[in-house]
Amino acid sequence: MLLLAGICLMPLTACEREHREYAGAPKSDTAPQLSKLHPGAAAQTPPDADALHYERNAYHISQGGRLYRSYNCNGCHANGGGGIGPALMDDAWRYGGRIDQIYATIMQGRPNGMPAFRDKIAPEQAWQIAAYVRALSGNVPKDAAPSRRDGMASIPPLTRIPRQTPKNGDPSAEPEGP
């Protein structure tokens, strides 16, 4: 009797081993990152405090300048004056001139020329480059901007560049302070 009950229960416990799912799409944990940043659109949120830390810190701005040259940003932006890429020293910012918007441009890229550097550089380095780019247009506090260059340069020291408030972008990107 026990043998018969054991034989009847055996198929019930062994069925789960062969259970297979044939329906459904493969599951992925990565989704494409989409930006809400559009040309000329007003910003939805204020910049993150961590982002502002980079543009208010002389070390990060200086490192951003070093990385700007190391990653050959000069190749397209010619020391911030423009070339193949747009000028970074004026007040015309198509995708916004706040540090978080510049960071998004570096990491996500932009149509018609700006490549995405999301998988190529560390986020901290992208924040440092974004802080340096803000300094090129005079939009960082003067006490944070480096007062001298480490090498020869064709532009004046960052403390001597007049402020160029970004236009055609986000009005909240105006510089803070005096």
N, C-alpha and C. Protein backbone atom coordinates (compact mmCIF):
# COMPACT_ATOMS: atom_id res chain seq x y z
N MET A 1 0.81 -1.18 0.00
CA MET A 1 0.00 0.00 0.00
C MET A 1 0.87 1.27 0.00
N LEU A 2 1.89 1.27 0.87
CA LEU A 2 2.80 2.41 0.89
C LEU A 2 3.57 2.54 -0.41
N LEU A 3 3.90 1.43 -0.98
CA LEU A 3 4.61 1.44 -2.25
C LEU A 3 3.74 2.05 -3.35
N LEU A 4 2.49 1.73 -3.36
CA LEU A 4 1.56 2.28 -4.36
C LEU A 4 1.38 3.80 -4.16
N ALA A 5 1.31 4.26 -2.91
CA ALA A 5 1.17 5.69 -2.63
C ALA A 5 2.45 6.43 -3.04
N GLY A 6 3.61 5.83 -2.79
CA GLY A 6 4.89 6.45 -3.18
C GLY A 6 5.02 6.58 -4.68
N ILE A 7 4.58 5.58 -5.39
CA ILE A 7 4.64 5.61 -6.86
C ILE A 7 3.69 6.68 -7.41
N CYS A 8 2.56 6.86 -6.79
CA CYS A 8 1.59 7.88 -7.25
C CYS A 8 2.09 9.30 -6.97
N LEU A 9 2.82 9.50 -5.87
CA LEU A 9 3.32 10.82 -5.52
C LEU A 9 4.58 11.21 -6.30
N MET A 10 5.32 10.25 -6.80
CA MET A 10 6.58 10.52 -7.51
C MET A 10 6.39 11.42 -8.74
N PRO A 11 5.43 11.20 -9.61
CA PRO A 11 5.29 12.08 -10.77
C PRO A 11 4.93 13.52 -10.39
N LEU A 12 4.26 13.70 -9.28
CA LEU A 12 3.88 15.05 -8.87
C LEU A 12 5.09 15.87 -8.45
N THR A 13 6.07 15.26 -7.83
CA THR A 13 7.25 15.99 -7.38
C THR A 13 8.28 16.16 -8.49
N ALA A 14 8.29 15.34 -9.48
CA ALA A 14 9.29 15.40 -10.55
C ALA A 14 8.89 16.33 -11.68
N CYS A 15 7.67 16.76 -11.76
CA CYS A 15 7.21 17.58 -12.89
C CYS A 15 7.84 18.97 -12.91
N GLU A 16 8.11 19.55 -11.76
CA GLU A 16 8.65 20.90 -11.70
C GLU A 16 10.03 20.99 -12.34
N ARG A 17 10.77 19.92 -12.33
CA ARG A 17 12.11 19.92 -12.89
C ARG A 17 12.10 20.19 -14.39
N GLU A 18 11.10 19.79 -15.06
CA GLU A 18 11.02 19.95 -16.50
C GLU A 18 10.19 21.16 -16.94
N HIS A 19 9.79 22.00 -16.02
CA HIS A 19 8.98 23.17 -16.37
C HIS A 19 9.85 24.18 -17.13
N ARG A 20 9.41 24.57 -18.31
CA ARG A 20 10.14 25.53 -19.14
C ARG A 20 9.20 26.62 -19.63
N GLU A 21 9.71 27.82 -19.71
CA GLU A 21 8.93 28.93 -20.24
C GLU A 21 9.29 29.13 -21.70
N TYR A 22 8.32 29.03 -22.54
CA TYR A 22 8.55 29.22 -23.97
C TYR A 22 7.99 30.55 -24.46
N ALA A 23 7.13 31.17 -23.70
CA ALA A 23 6.49 32.41 -24.13
C ALA A 23 7.16 33.61 -23.46
N GLY A 24 7.04 34.75 -24.09
CA GLY A 24 7.55 35.99 -23.50
C GLY A 24 8.90 36.40 -24.07
N ALA A 25 9.14 37.68 -24.05
CA ALA A 25 10.39 38.24 -24.54
C ALA A 25 11.46 38.11 -23.45
N PRO A 26 12.70 38.06 -23.85
CA PRO A 26 13.76 38.03 -22.84
C PRO A 26 13.73 39.30 -21.99
N LYS A 27 13.99 39.13 -20.72
CA LYS A 27 13.95 40.26 -19.80
C LYS A 27 15.31 40.93 -19.76
N SER A 28 15.29 42.26 -19.78
CA SER A 28 16.52 43.04 -19.75
C SER A 28 16.44 44.01 -18.59
N ASP A 29 17.56 44.18 -17.88
CA ASP A 29 17.56 45.11 -16.77
C ASP A 29 18.05 46.50 -17.18
N THR A 30 18.46 46.66 -18.43
CA THR A 30 18.90 47.97 -18.89
C THR A 30 17.87 48.55 -19.85
N ALA A 31 17.54 49.80 -19.62
CA ALA A 31 16.60 50.51 -20.48
C ALA A 31 17.33 51.70 -21.08
N PRO A 32 16.97 52.12 -22.28
CA PRO A 32 17.63 53.29 -22.85
C PRO A 32 17.37 54.53 -22.00
N GLN A 33 18.38 55.35 -21.86
CA GLN A 33 18.23 56.59 -21.10
C GLN A 33 17.76 57.68 -22.04
N LEU A 34 16.67 58.30 -21.65
CA LEU A 34 16.12 59.38 -22.45
C LEU A 34 16.25 60.69 -21.69
N SER A 35 16.55 61.73 -22.39
CA SER A 35 16.70 63.04 -21.78
C SER A 35 15.48 63.89 -22.08
N LYS A 36 15.07 64.68 -21.11
CA LYS A 36 13.97 65.62 -21.33
C LYS A 36 14.49 66.97 -21.82
N LEU A 37 15.78 67.02 -22.10
CA LEU A 37 16.42 68.26 -22.54
C LEU A 37 16.19 68.45 -24.03
N HIS A 38 15.62 69.60 -24.39
CA HIS A 38 15.34 69.93 -25.78
C HIS A 38 15.86 71.33 -26.06
N PRO A 39 16.19 71.63 -27.31
CA PRO A 39 16.70 72.97 -27.62
C PRO A 39 15.71 74.06 -27.22
N GLY A 40 16.21 75.04 -26.48
CA GLY A 40 15.40 76.19 -26.12
C GLY A 40 14.38 75.96 -25.03
N ALA A 41 14.32 74.76 -24.47
CA ALA A 41 13.32 74.48 -23.45
C ALA A 41 13.80 74.92 -22.08
N ALA A 42 12.88 75.37 -21.25
CA ALA A 42 13.23 75.77 -19.89
C ALA A 42 13.48 74.54 -19.04
N ALA A 43 14.36 74.65 -18.09
CA ALA A 43 14.70 73.53 -17.22
C ALA A 43 13.53 73.23 -16.29
N GLN A 44 13.34 71.95 -16.01
CA GLN A 44 12.27 71.51 -15.14
C GLN A 44 12.69 71.54 -13.68
N THR A 45 13.95 71.24 -13.41
CA THR A 45 14.41 71.14 -12.03
C THR A 45 15.68 71.97 -11.85
N PRO A 46 15.91 72.42 -10.62
CA PRO A 46 17.17 73.15 -10.37
C PRO A 46 18.34 72.17 -10.39
N PRO A 47 19.55 72.66 -10.62
CA PRO A 47 20.70 71.76 -10.66
C PRO A 47 20.95 71.12 -9.29
N ASP A 48 21.48 69.94 -9.32
CA ASP A 48 21.79 69.18 -8.12
C ASP A 48 22.91 69.88 -7.34
N ALA A 49 22.86 69.79 -6.02
CA ALA A 49 23.89 70.41 -5.18
C ALA A 49 25.26 69.81 -5.45
N ASP A 50 25.31 68.52 -5.75
CA ASP A 50 26.59 67.89 -6.08
C ASP A 50 27.16 68.47 -7.38
N ALA A 51 26.29 68.77 -8.34
CA ALA A 51 26.73 69.36 -9.60
C ALA A 51 27.31 70.75 -9.36
N LEU A 52 26.66 71.52 -8.52
CA LEU A 52 27.14 72.87 -8.23
C LEU A 52 28.48 72.83 -7.48
N HIS A 53 28.71 71.76 -6.73
CA HIS A 53 30.00 71.61 -6.04
C HIS A 53 31.15 71.63 -7.03
N TYR A 54 30.98 71.00 -8.20
CA TYR A 54 32.05 70.94 -9.19
C TYR A 54 32.37 72.32 -9.76
N GLU A 55 31.36 73.13 -10.01
CA GLU A 55 31.65 74.44 -10.62
C GLU A 55 32.07 75.48 -9.60
N ARG A 56 31.99 75.17 -8.34
CA ARG A 56 32.44 76.09 -7.30
C ARG A 56 33.77 75.67 -6.69
N ASN A 57 34.43 74.71 -7.28
CA ASN A 57 35.65 74.15 -6.73
C ASN A 57 36.79 74.33 -7.73
N ALA A 58 37.84 75.05 -7.33
CA ALA A 58 38.95 75.35 -8.22
C ALA A 58 39.67 74.10 -8.69
N TYR A 59 39.80 73.10 -7.82
CA TYR A 59 40.47 71.86 -8.21
C TYR A 59 39.72 71.17 -9.34
N HIS A 60 38.41 71.07 -9.21
CA HIS A 60 37.62 70.39 -10.25
C HIS A 60 37.67 71.15 -11.57
N ILE A 61 37.64 72.47 -11.52
CA ILE A 61 37.72 73.26 -12.75
C ILE A 61 39.08 73.07 -13.40
N SER A 62 40.13 73.08 -12.60
CA SER A 62 41.48 72.87 -13.14
C SER A 62 41.63 71.48 -13.74
N GLN A 63 41.12 70.47 -13.05
CA GLN A 63 41.17 69.11 -13.59
C GLN A 63 40.34 69.01 -14.87
N GLY A 64 39.22 69.72 -14.90
CA GLY A 64 38.39 69.73 -16.10
C GLY A 64 39.13 70.30 -17.29
N GLY A 65 39.95 71.34 -17.06
CA GLY A 65 40.77 71.91 -18.14
C GLY A 65 41.80 70.91 -18.64
N ARG A 66 42.40 70.19 -17.71
CA ARG A 66 43.39 69.17 -18.09
C ARG A 66 42.72 68.06 -18.90
N LEU A 67 41.55 67.62 -18.44
CA LEU A 67 40.83 66.57 -19.16
C LEU A 67 40.31 67.07 -20.51
N TYR A 68 39.90 68.33 -20.58
CA TYR A 68 39.43 68.94 -21.82
C TYR A 68 40.51 68.83 -22.89
N ARG A 69 41.75 69.11 -22.49
CA ARG A 69 42.87 68.99 -23.44
C ARG A 69 43.23 67.53 -23.69
N SER A 70 43.19 66.71 -22.66
CA SER A 70 43.57 65.29 -22.79
C SER A 70 42.62 64.53 -23.70
N TYR A 71 41.33 64.81 -23.59
CA TYR A 71 40.34 64.13 -24.42
C TYR A 71 40.16 64.81 -25.78
N ASN A 72 41.00 65.79 -26.08
CA ASN A 72 41.02 66.49 -27.36
C ASN A 72 39.69 67.19 -27.68
N CYS A 73 39.10 67.79 -26.67
CA CYS A 73 37.92 68.62 -26.91
C CYS A 73 38.30 69.82 -27.77
N ASN A 74 39.61 70.21 -27.69
CA ASN A 74 40.11 71.30 -28.51
C ASN A 74 39.95 71.01 -30.00
N GLY A 75 39.96 69.74 -30.36
CA GLY A 75 39.86 69.37 -31.76
C GLY A 75 38.60 69.91 -32.42
N CYS A 76 37.52 69.98 -31.68
CA CYS A 76 36.26 70.50 -32.23
C CYS A 76 35.90 71.89 -31.69
N HIS A 77 36.28 72.16 -30.45
CA HIS A 77 35.86 73.41 -29.82
C HIS A 77 36.96 74.47 -29.73
N ALA A 78 38.17 74.16 -30.21
CA ALA A 78 39.28 75.12 -30.34
C ALA A 78 39.43 76.05 -29.14
N ASN A 79 39.85 75.51 -28.01
CA ASN A 79 40.04 76.27 -26.78
C ASN A 79 38.79 77.01 -26.34
N GLY A 80 37.64 76.51 -26.70
CA GLY A 80 36.38 77.13 -26.32
C GLY A 80 35.87 78.14 -27.32
N GLY A 81 36.66 78.48 -28.32
CA GLY A 81 36.27 79.49 -29.28
C GLY A 81 35.43 78.97 -30.43
N GLY A 82 35.30 77.69 -30.55
CA GLY A 82 34.51 77.11 -31.63
C GLY A 82 35.38 76.71 -32.79
N GLY A 83 34.87 75.89 -33.61
CA GLY A 83 35.55 75.38 -34.78
C GLY A 83 34.55 74.49 -35.49
N ILE A 84 34.82 73.20 -35.50
CA ILE A 84 33.83 72.25 -36.01
C ILE A 84 32.63 72.24 -35.07
N GLY A 85 32.92 72.26 -33.77
CA GLY A 85 31.87 72.31 -32.75
C GLY A 85 31.57 73.75 -32.39
N PRO A 86 30.49 73.99 -31.65
CA PRO A 86 30.12 75.36 -31.30
C PRO A 86 31.08 75.98 -30.30
N ALA A 87 31.08 77.29 -30.26
CA ALA A 87 31.89 78.04 -29.29
C ALA A 87 31.34 77.81 -27.90
N LEU A 88 32.23 77.74 -26.94
CA LEU A 88 31.84 77.52 -25.54
C LEU A 88 32.07 78.77 -24.70
N MET A 89 32.49 79.86 -25.33
CA MET A 89 32.82 81.08 -24.60
C MET A 89 31.78 82.17 -24.79
N ASP A 90 30.75 81.90 -25.55
CA ASP A 90 29.76 82.95 -25.82
C ASP A 90 28.48 82.68 -25.03
N ASP A 91 27.42 83.38 -25.40
CA ASP A 91 26.17 83.25 -24.67
C ASP A 91 25.12 82.43 -25.43
N ALA A 92 25.49 81.76 -26.49
CA ALA A 92 24.55 80.95 -27.27
C ALA A 92 24.70 79.48 -26.87
N TRP A 93 23.71 78.98 -26.14
CA TRP A 93 23.73 77.59 -25.67
C TRP A 93 22.45 76.91 -26.13
N ARG A 94 22.54 76.10 -27.14
CA ARG A 94 21.37 75.45 -27.71
C ARG A 94 20.70 74.50 -26.73
N TYR A 95 21.49 73.73 -25.98
CA TYR A 95 20.94 72.73 -25.07
C TYR A 95 21.04 73.14 -23.61
N GLY A 96 21.23 74.41 -23.34
CA GLY A 96 21.29 74.92 -21.97
C GLY A 96 22.72 75.04 -21.48
N GLY A 97 22.96 76.06 -20.68
CA GLY A 97 24.31 76.34 -20.22
C GLY A 97 24.56 76.03 -18.76
N ARG A 98 23.59 75.39 -18.06
CA ARG A 98 23.84 74.99 -16.68
C ARG A 98 24.78 73.80 -16.66
N ILE A 99 25.45 73.60 -15.54
CA ILE A 99 26.44 72.53 -15.45
C ILE A 99 25.80 71.16 -15.66
N ASP A 100 24.60 70.94 -15.15
CA ASP A 100 23.96 69.64 -15.35
C ASP A 100 23.55 69.43 -16.81
N GLN A 101 23.23 70.50 -17.51
CA GLN A 101 22.89 70.40 -18.93
C GLN A 101 24.13 70.14 -19.77
N ILE A 102 25.25 70.77 -19.40
CA ILE A 102 26.51 70.51 -20.10
C ILE A 102 26.95 69.08 -19.86
N TYR A 103 26.80 68.61 -18.63
CA TYR A 103 27.12 67.22 -18.30
C TYR A 103 26.29 66.26 -19.15
N ALA A 104 24.99 66.55 -19.28
CA ALA A 104 24.12 65.70 -20.10
C ALA A 104 24.58 65.70 -21.56
N THR A 105 25.01 66.84 -22.05
CA THR A 105 25.51 66.91 -23.42
C THR A 105 26.76 66.07 -23.59
N ILE A 106 27.67 66.12 -22.62
CA ILE A 106 28.90 65.33 -22.70
C ILE A 106 28.57 63.84 -22.66
N MET A 107 27.72 63.44 -21.74
CA MET A 107 27.46 62.01 -21.55
C MET A 107 26.54 61.42 -22.62
N GLN A 108 25.51 62.18 -23.04
CA GLN A 108 24.53 61.65 -23.98
C GLN A 108 24.83 62.00 -25.43
N GLY A 109 25.66 63.03 -25.65
CA GLY A 109 25.92 63.48 -27.01
C GLY A 109 24.75 64.31 -27.53
N ARG A 110 24.93 64.86 -28.70
CA ARG A 110 23.89 65.66 -29.34
C ARG A 110 23.88 65.35 -30.83
N PRO A 111 22.75 65.56 -31.49
CA PRO A 111 22.68 65.27 -32.92
C PRO A 111 23.65 66.12 -33.73
N ASN A 112 24.05 65.63 -34.85
CA ASN A 112 24.88 66.34 -35.82
C ASN A 112 26.27 66.69 -35.31
N GLY A 113 26.90 65.78 -34.58
CA GLY A 113 28.30 66.01 -34.30
C GLY A 113 28.82 65.65 -32.93
N MET A 114 28.12 65.98 -31.85
CA MET A 114 28.67 65.72 -30.51
C MET A 114 28.46 64.25 -30.15
N PRO A 115 29.57 63.50 -30.03
CA PRO A 115 29.42 62.09 -29.67
C PRO A 115 29.10 61.93 -28.19
N ALA A 116 28.52 60.80 -27.85
CA ALA A 116 28.23 60.48 -26.45
C ALA A 116 29.47 59.87 -25.82
N PHE A 117 29.80 60.32 -24.63
CA PHE A 117 30.96 59.80 -23.91
C PHE A 117 30.55 58.98 -22.69
N ARG A 118 29.32 58.51 -22.65
CA ARG A 118 28.76 57.79 -21.50
C ARG A 118 29.62 56.61 -21.09
N ASP A 119 30.06 55.80 -22.00
CA ASP A 119 30.83 54.60 -21.67
C ASP A 119 32.33 54.81 -21.83
N LYS A 120 32.75 56.03 -22.10
CA LYS A 120 34.17 56.28 -22.38
C LYS A 120 34.90 57.00 -21.25
N ILE A 121 34.20 57.82 -20.48
CA ILE A 121 34.85 58.53 -19.38
C ILE A 121 34.02 58.36 -18.11
N ALA A 122 34.68 58.52 -16.99
CA ALA A 122 34.02 58.40 -15.69
C ALA A 122 33.09 59.60 -15.46
N PRO A 123 31.99 59.41 -14.75
CA PRO A 123 31.09 60.53 -14.48
C PRO A 123 31.77 61.71 -13.78
N GLU A 124 32.67 61.45 -12.84
CA GLU A 124 33.36 62.55 -12.16
C GLU A 124 34.17 63.38 -13.15
N GLN A 125 34.80 62.73 -14.12
CA GLN A 125 35.57 63.46 -15.12
C GLN A 125 34.65 64.30 -16.00
N ALA A 126 33.47 63.77 -16.33
CA ALA A 126 32.52 64.54 -17.13
C ALA A 126 32.04 65.77 -16.36
N TRP A 127 31.83 65.63 -15.03
CA TRP A 127 31.44 66.79 -14.22
C TRP A 127 32.56 67.82 -14.20
N GLN A 128 33.80 67.37 -14.14
CA GLN A 128 34.93 68.30 -14.12
C GLN A 128 35.05 69.04 -15.45
N ILE A 129 34.86 68.33 -16.56
CA ILE A 129 34.90 68.98 -17.87
C ILE A 129 33.76 69.99 -17.98
N ALA A 130 32.58 69.62 -17.50
CA ALA A 130 31.43 70.53 -17.54
C ALA A 130 31.72 71.80 -16.72
N ALA A 131 32.37 71.65 -15.58
CA ALA A 131 32.72 72.82 -14.76
C ALA A 131 33.71 73.71 -15.51
N TYR A 132 34.67 73.10 -16.19
CA TYR A 132 35.64 73.88 -16.97
C TYR A 132 34.95 74.61 -18.11
N VAL A 133 34.01 73.96 -18.77
CA VAL A 133 33.28 74.59 -19.87
C VAL A 133 32.49 75.78 -19.35
N ARG A 134 31.89 75.64 -18.15
CA ARG A 134 31.19 76.79 -17.55
C ARG A 134 32.18 77.93 -17.28
N ALA A 135 33.40 77.58 -16.88
CA ALA A 135 34.41 78.60 -16.60
C ALA A 135 34.85 79.31 -17.87
N LEU A 136 34.82 78.63 -19.01
CA LEU A 136 35.22 79.26 -20.27
C LEU A 136 34.33 80.44 -20.62
N SER A 137 33.08 80.38 -20.22
CA SER A 137 32.16 81.49 -20.52
C SER A 137 32.02 82.43 -19.32
N GLY A 138 32.89 82.28 -18.31
CA GLY A 138 32.90 83.19 -17.18
C GLY A 138 31.75 82.98 -16.21
N ASN A 139 31.14 81.81 -16.21
CA ASN A 139 29.96 81.57 -15.39
C ASN A 139 30.22 80.74 -14.14
N VAL A 140 31.41 80.85 -13.61
CA VAL A 140 31.72 80.23 -12.32
C VAL A 140 32.18 81.36 -11.39
N PRO A 141 32.10 81.15 -10.09
CA PRO A 141 32.59 82.19 -9.18
C PRO A 141 34.06 82.49 -9.44
N LYS A 142 34.43 83.74 -9.40
CA LYS A 142 35.81 84.14 -9.71
C LYS A 142 36.81 83.55 -8.73
N ASP A 143 36.39 83.30 -7.49
CA ASP A 143 37.33 82.71 -6.53
C ASP A 143 37.55 81.22 -6.78
N ALA A 144 36.72 80.60 -7.61
CA ALA A 144 36.90 79.19 -7.95
C ALA A 144 37.67 79.01 -9.26
N ALA A 145 37.62 80.00 -10.14
CA ALA A 145 38.28 79.89 -11.44
C ALA A 145 39.79 79.96 -11.27
N PRO A 146 40.54 79.08 -11.93
CA PRO A 146 42.00 79.16 -11.84
C PRO A 146 42.49 80.49 -12.43
N SER A 147 43.49 81.10 -11.78
CA SER A 147 43.97 82.40 -12.23
C SER A 147 45.13 82.29 -13.19
N ARG A 148 45.64 81.10 -13.40
CA ARG A 148 46.75 80.93 -14.35
C ARG A 148 46.60 79.60 -15.05
N ARG A 149 47.27 79.49 -16.16
CA ARG A 149 47.28 78.26 -16.93
C ARG A 149 48.53 77.46 -16.59
N ASP A 150 48.47 76.17 -16.78
CA ASP A 150 49.64 75.33 -16.58
C ASP A 150 50.54 75.33 -17.80
N GLY A 151 50.03 75.75 -18.93
CA GLY A 151 50.83 75.81 -20.15
C GLY A 151 50.47 77.05 -20.94
N MET A 152 50.99 77.15 -22.15
CA MET A 152 50.69 78.29 -23.01
C MET A 152 49.24 78.23 -23.45
N ALA A 153 48.62 79.38 -23.56
CA ALA A 153 47.22 79.43 -23.96
C ALA A 153 46.97 80.67 -24.81
N SER A 154 45.95 80.58 -25.63
CA SER A 154 45.61 81.70 -26.49
C SER A 154 44.45 82.51 -25.94
N ILE A 155 43.92 82.11 -24.81
CA ILE A 155 42.82 82.86 -24.20
C ILE A 155 43.30 83.41 -22.86
N PRO A 156 42.65 84.45 -22.33
CA PRO A 156 43.08 85.02 -21.05
C PRO A 156 42.77 84.05 -19.90
N PRO A 157 43.33 84.32 -18.72
CA PRO A 157 43.01 83.50 -17.56
C PRO A 157 41.51 83.50 -17.31
N LEU A 158 41.01 82.42 -16.73
CA LEU A 158 39.57 82.28 -16.55
C LEU A 158 39.00 83.34 -15.61
N THR A 159 39.82 83.93 -14.75
CA THR A 159 39.32 84.99 -13.87
C THR A 159 39.14 86.30 -14.61
N ARG A 160 39.70 86.42 -15.80
CA ARG A 160 39.62 87.66 -16.58
C ARG A 160 38.58 87.60 -17.70
N ILE A 161 37.90 86.48 -17.86
CA ILE A 161 36.90 86.36 -18.91
C ILE A 161 35.59 86.97 -18.42
N PRO A 162 34.99 87.90 -19.20
CA PRO A 162 33.71 88.48 -18.77
C PRO A 162 32.59 87.44 -18.84
N ARG A 163 31.60 87.61 -17.99
CA ARG A 163 30.48 86.67 -17.97
C ARG A 163 29.68 86.76 -19.26
N GLN A 164 29.31 85.61 -19.76
CA GLN A 164 28.48 85.51 -20.95
C GLN A 164 27.25 84.70 -20.56
N THR A 165 26.20 85.37 -20.12
CA THR A 165 25.00 84.68 -19.68
C THR A 165 24.40 83.93 -20.86
N PRO A 166 24.17 82.60 -20.72
CA PRO A 166 23.64 81.82 -21.83
C PRO A 166 22.27 82.31 -22.29
N LYS A 167 22.11 82.42 -23.59
CA LYS A 167 20.84 82.81 -24.19
C LYS A 167 20.33 81.64 -25.01
N ASN A 168 19.09 81.72 -25.44
CA ASN A 168 18.46 80.71 -26.28
C ASN A 168 18.43 79.34 -25.61
N GLY A 169 18.63 79.31 -24.35
CA GLY A 169 18.59 78.05 -23.62
C GLY A 169 17.70 78.22 -22.41
N ASP A 170 18.24 77.92 -21.28
CA ASP A 170 17.49 77.95 -20.05
C ASP A 170 17.79 79.23 -19.29
N PRO A 171 16.77 80.07 -18.99
CA PRO A 171 17.04 81.31 -18.27
C PRO A 171 17.53 81.06 -16.84
N SER A 172 17.29 79.87 -16.29
CA SER A 172 17.76 79.59 -14.94
C SER A 172 19.26 79.28 -14.93
N ALA A 173 19.89 79.28 -16.09
CA ALA A 173 21.33 79.01 -16.17
C ALA A 173 22.17 80.24 -15.92
N GLU A 174 21.54 81.34 -15.54
CA GLU A 174 22.29 82.56 -15.28
C GLU A 174 23.20 82.33 -14.08
N PRO A 175 24.38 82.92 -14.10
CA PRO A 175 25.33 82.71 -12.99
C PRO A 175 24.84 83.30 -11.70
N GLU A 176 25.28 82.67 -10.61
CA GLU A 176 24.92 83.16 -9.28
C GLU A 176 26.02 84.07 -8.76
N GLY A 177 25.68 84.90 -7.83
CA GLY A 177 26.69 85.73 -7.17
C GLY A 177 26.96 87.03 -7.89
N PRO A 178 27.98 87.77 -7.41
CA PRO A 178 28.27 89.09 -7.99
C PRO A 178 28.87 89.00 -9.36
